[in-house]
Protein backbone atom coordinates (compact mmCIF):
# COMPACT_ATOMS: atom_id res chain seq x y z
CA MET A 1 9.52 -4.76 -6.83
CA ARG A 2 8.47 -8.28 -6.57
CA PRO A 3 5.61 -10.37 -5.56
CA ALA A 4 5.36 -11.54 -2.01
CA ASN A 5 6.78 -14.91 -1.39
CA VAL A 6 6.50 -16.89 2.10
CA HIS A 7 10.03 -16.20 2.59
CA ASP A 8 9.53 -12.52 3.35
CA ALA A 9 6.98 -13.33 6.56
CA HIS A 10 9.87 -12.77 8.82
CA ARG A 11 10.95 -9.42 7.50
CA LEU A 12 7.21 -7.90 7.04
CA ARG A 13 6.66 -8.71 10.78
CA GLN A 14 10.08 -6.58 11.58
CA TRP A 15 8.94 -4.15 9.10
CA ARG A 16 5.52 -4.20 11.08
CA ALA A 17 7.41 -3.64 14.49
CA GLU A 18 9.23 -0.55 13.18
CA PRO A 19 8.19 2.60 15.23
CA SER A 20 8.07 4.90 12.37
CA VAL A 21 5.64 2.08 10.67
CA ARG A 22 3.69 2.51 13.32
CA GLU A 23 3.60 5.87 14.26
CA PHE A 24 0.49 6.40 11.68
CA GLN A 25 -0.87 2.80 11.07
CA PRO A 26 -2.77 0.56 13.40
CA LEU A 27 -0.81 -2.21 12.95
CA ARG A 28 -2.14 -5.47 14.96
CA ASP A 29 0.72 -7.92 15.99
CA VAL A 30 0.57 -10.90 13.72
CA SER A 31 2.56 -13.83 14.05
CA VAL A 32 5.09 -15.13 11.01
CA ALA A 33 2.71 -17.91 10.43
CA GLN A 34 -0.15 -16.02 9.54
CA LEU A 35 1.63 -13.96 6.83
CA ARG A 36 2.86 -16.80 5.72
CA ALA A 37 -0.89 -17.90 5.27
CA ASP A 38 -1.95 -14.73 3.74
CA ILE A 39 0.89 -14.51 1.32
CA GLY A 40 0.97 -18.02 0.29
CA SER A 41 -2.75 -17.49 -0.52
CA GLN A 42 -2.50 -14.72 -2.57
CA ARG A 43 -2.17 -15.60 -6.69
CA MET A 44 -0.95 -12.42 -8.64
CA SER A 45 -1.94 -14.08 -11.94
CA HIS A 46 -5.65 -13.55 -10.41
CA ILE A 47 -5.18 -9.52 -10.34
CA TYR A 48 -4.82 -9.75 -14.23
CA ARG A 49 -8.14 -11.61 -14.80
CA GLY A 50 -9.99 -9.31 -12.10
CA ARG A 51 -10.03 -12.00 -9.58
CA GLY A 52 -8.39 -12.16 -5.87
CA GLU A 53 -8.85 -9.61 -2.89
CA ARG A 54 -5.45 -8.98 -1.59
CA PHE A 55 -1.89 -8.26 -3.23
CA ILE A 56 1.51 -8.05 -1.45
CA TRP A 57 4.85 -6.47 -2.83
CA ILE A 58 8.09 -6.19 -1.62
CA ILE A 59 9.64 -3.51 -2.67
CA GLU A 60 13.57 -3.26 -3.31
CA ALA A 61 16.07 -0.77 -3.15
CA ASP A 62 19.25 -1.36 -4.31
CA GLU A 63 18.42 -5.19 -4.64
CA VAL A 64 17.81 -4.80 -0.58
CA PRO A 65 14.16 -5.47 0.55
CA CYS A 66 13.22 -2.73 2.46
CA GLY A 67 9.04 -2.30 3.16
CA TRP A 68 5.90 -3.31 0.87
CA ILE A 69 3.00 -2.66 -1.14
CA THR A 70 -0.53 -3.91 -0.18
CA LEU A 71 -3.53 -3.74 -2.85
CA VAL A 72 -7.07 -5.07 -1.34
CA VAL A 73 -9.66 -4.80 -4.13
CA SER A 74 -12.76 -4.40 -2.52
CA ASN A 75 -15.15 -4.08 -5.60
CA TRP A 76 -14.05 -5.92 -9.12
CA GLU A 77 -17.15 -5.29 -10.70
CA HIS A 78 -16.81 -1.46 -9.95
CA GLY A 79 -12.88 -1.47 -10.32
CA LEU A 80 -12.55 -0.04 -7.08
CA CYS A 81 -9.90 -1.08 -4.83
CA GLU A 82 -7.16 0.39 -1.90
CA ILE A 83 -3.49 0.69 -1.69
CA GLY A 84 -1.49 0.85 1.58
CA TYR A 85 2.34 0.62 1.94
CA ALA A 86 5.57 1.75 4.28
CA LEU A 87 8.94 1.27 4.12
CA SER A 88 11.31 0.24 7.06
CA THR A 89 13.01 3.26 8.97
CA ASP A 90 16.30 3.15 7.10
CA PHE A 91 14.81 4.26 3.73
CA HIS A 92 12.67 7.03 4.40
CA GLY A 93 12.89 10.14 2.50
CA ARG A 94 15.34 9.01 -0.47
CA GLY A 95 12.10 8.59 -3.13
CA VAL A 96 11.91 4.86 -3.02
CA MET A 97 7.91 5.05 -2.70
CA THR A 98 7.32 7.48 -5.48
CA ASP A 99 9.26 4.59 -7.69
CA SER A 100 7.83 1.80 -6.44
CA LEU A 101 4.67 2.79 -6.76
CA SER A 102 5.02 4.93 -10.08
CA ILE A 103 5.72 1.19 -11.75
CA LEU A 104 2.57 -0.15 -10.15
CA VAL A 105 0.35 2.16 -10.30
CA PRO A 106 0.55 1.93 -14.09
CA GLU A 107 0.51 -1.68 -14.63
CA LEU A 108 -2.99 -1.82 -12.47
CA PHE A 109 -4.44 0.89 -14.24
CA PHE A 110 -3.23 -0.68 -17.73
CA LYS A 111 -3.13 -3.99 -17.16
CA THR A 112 -5.91 -5.34 -14.93
CA PRO A 113 -10.10 -4.27 -15.05
CA LEU A 114 -8.79 -1.29 -11.97
CA GLU A 115 -10.69 2.09 -12.64
CA ARG A 116 -9.98 3.85 -9.10
CA ILE A 117 -7.00 3.47 -6.45
CA GLU A 118 -7.91 4.51 -2.87
CA ALA A 119 -5.41 5.64 -0.57
CA ARG A 120 -5.80 6.76 2.93
CA CYS A 121 -3.06 8.36 5.49
CA ALA A 122 -3.44 9.58 9.07
CA VAL A 123 -3.37 13.71 8.69
CA GLY A 124 0.12 13.88 10.28
CA ASN A 125 1.77 11.81 7.98
CA ARG A 126 3.07 14.19 5.40
CA GLY A 127 5.83 11.96 3.92
CA SER A 128 2.83 9.28 2.40
CA GLN A 129 0.53 12.44 1.43
CA ARG A 130 3.63 14.17 -0.78
CA VAL A 131 4.06 10.39 -2.26
CA LEU A 132 0.03 10.09 -3.21
CA GLU A 133 0.23 13.77 -4.35
CA LYS A 134 3.62 13.22 -6.71
CA LEU A 135 1.98 10.31 -8.34
CA GLY A 136 -1.38 12.47 -9.21
CA PHE A 137 -3.63 11.36 -6.83
CA ARG A 138 -6.26 13.83 -5.87
CA ARG A 139 -6.93 15.01 -2.39
CA GLU A 140 -10.34 14.15 -1.78
CA GLY A 141 -11.50 14.77 1.88
CA VAL A 142 -10.47 13.93 5.43
CA LEU A 143 -12.62 11.12 7.55
CA ARG A 144 -12.83 12.30 11.33
CA GLY A 145 -11.99 9.99 13.79
CA TYR A 146 -11.22 7.08 10.93
CA PHE A 147 -8.75 4.76 12.85
CA LEU A 148 -8.13 4.14 16.41
CA LEU A 149 -4.19 4.99 16.98
CA HIS A 150 -2.31 4.56 20.02
CA GLY A 151 -5.32 5.02 22.13
CA GLU A 152 -6.50 7.97 20.09
CA ARG A 153 -9.16 8.13 17.28
CA VAL A 154 -6.90 9.72 14.10
CA ASP A 155 -8.32 11.53 11.28
CA HIS A 156 -7.26 10.24 7.81
CA VAL A 157 -7.28 12.18 4.40
CA LEU A 158 -8.83 10.52 1.57
CA TYR A 159 -6.86 10.09 -1.69
CA GLY A 160 -8.37 8.77 -4.92
CA LEU A 161 -7.09 8.05 -8.30
CA LEU A 162 -9.10 7.66 -11.51
CA ARG A 163 -7.81 5.74 -14.62
CA GLU A 164 -9.32 8.34 -16.87
CA ASP A 165 -6.94 11.07 -14.64
CA TYR A 166 -3.99 9.18 -14.41
CA VAL A 167 -0.95 10.34 -16.12
CA PRO A 168 2.22 8.56 -15.83
CA VAL A 169 4.59 9.93 -13.96
């Protein structure tokens, strides 16, 4: 896993277009130029100083880029953030996401001021739910009609993990 750079924009756009990625996520069409701008504006060093709002990492399996993790900080004062992630279809079911998040989560809790990580996933996305549960995230409830996905309102499961509850995997 490594911080995203502007050269990853094409890959991110391709991954975002994959049917398996879009199955559970309401991803809008974003140009390569916009992705480059988003990635170019992130400063990874800021996360360690309690600054910045959005961070993207590229996941690699056997040195092959295969997906991404996004962290959005909603409130530094209270240490609140949300994590999102996706893998290219060919890498599903291989433990890649669990391995990647098991590296990132302790980094966030032990080297930044973050206190709570949230994640949301569609109720039908059992793979994502299993990943979060393996890492110790607690299922906190169902958000009814949370996203509009493929023209329908979809319920989502809310997961949370507190620094004080975290036990490294």
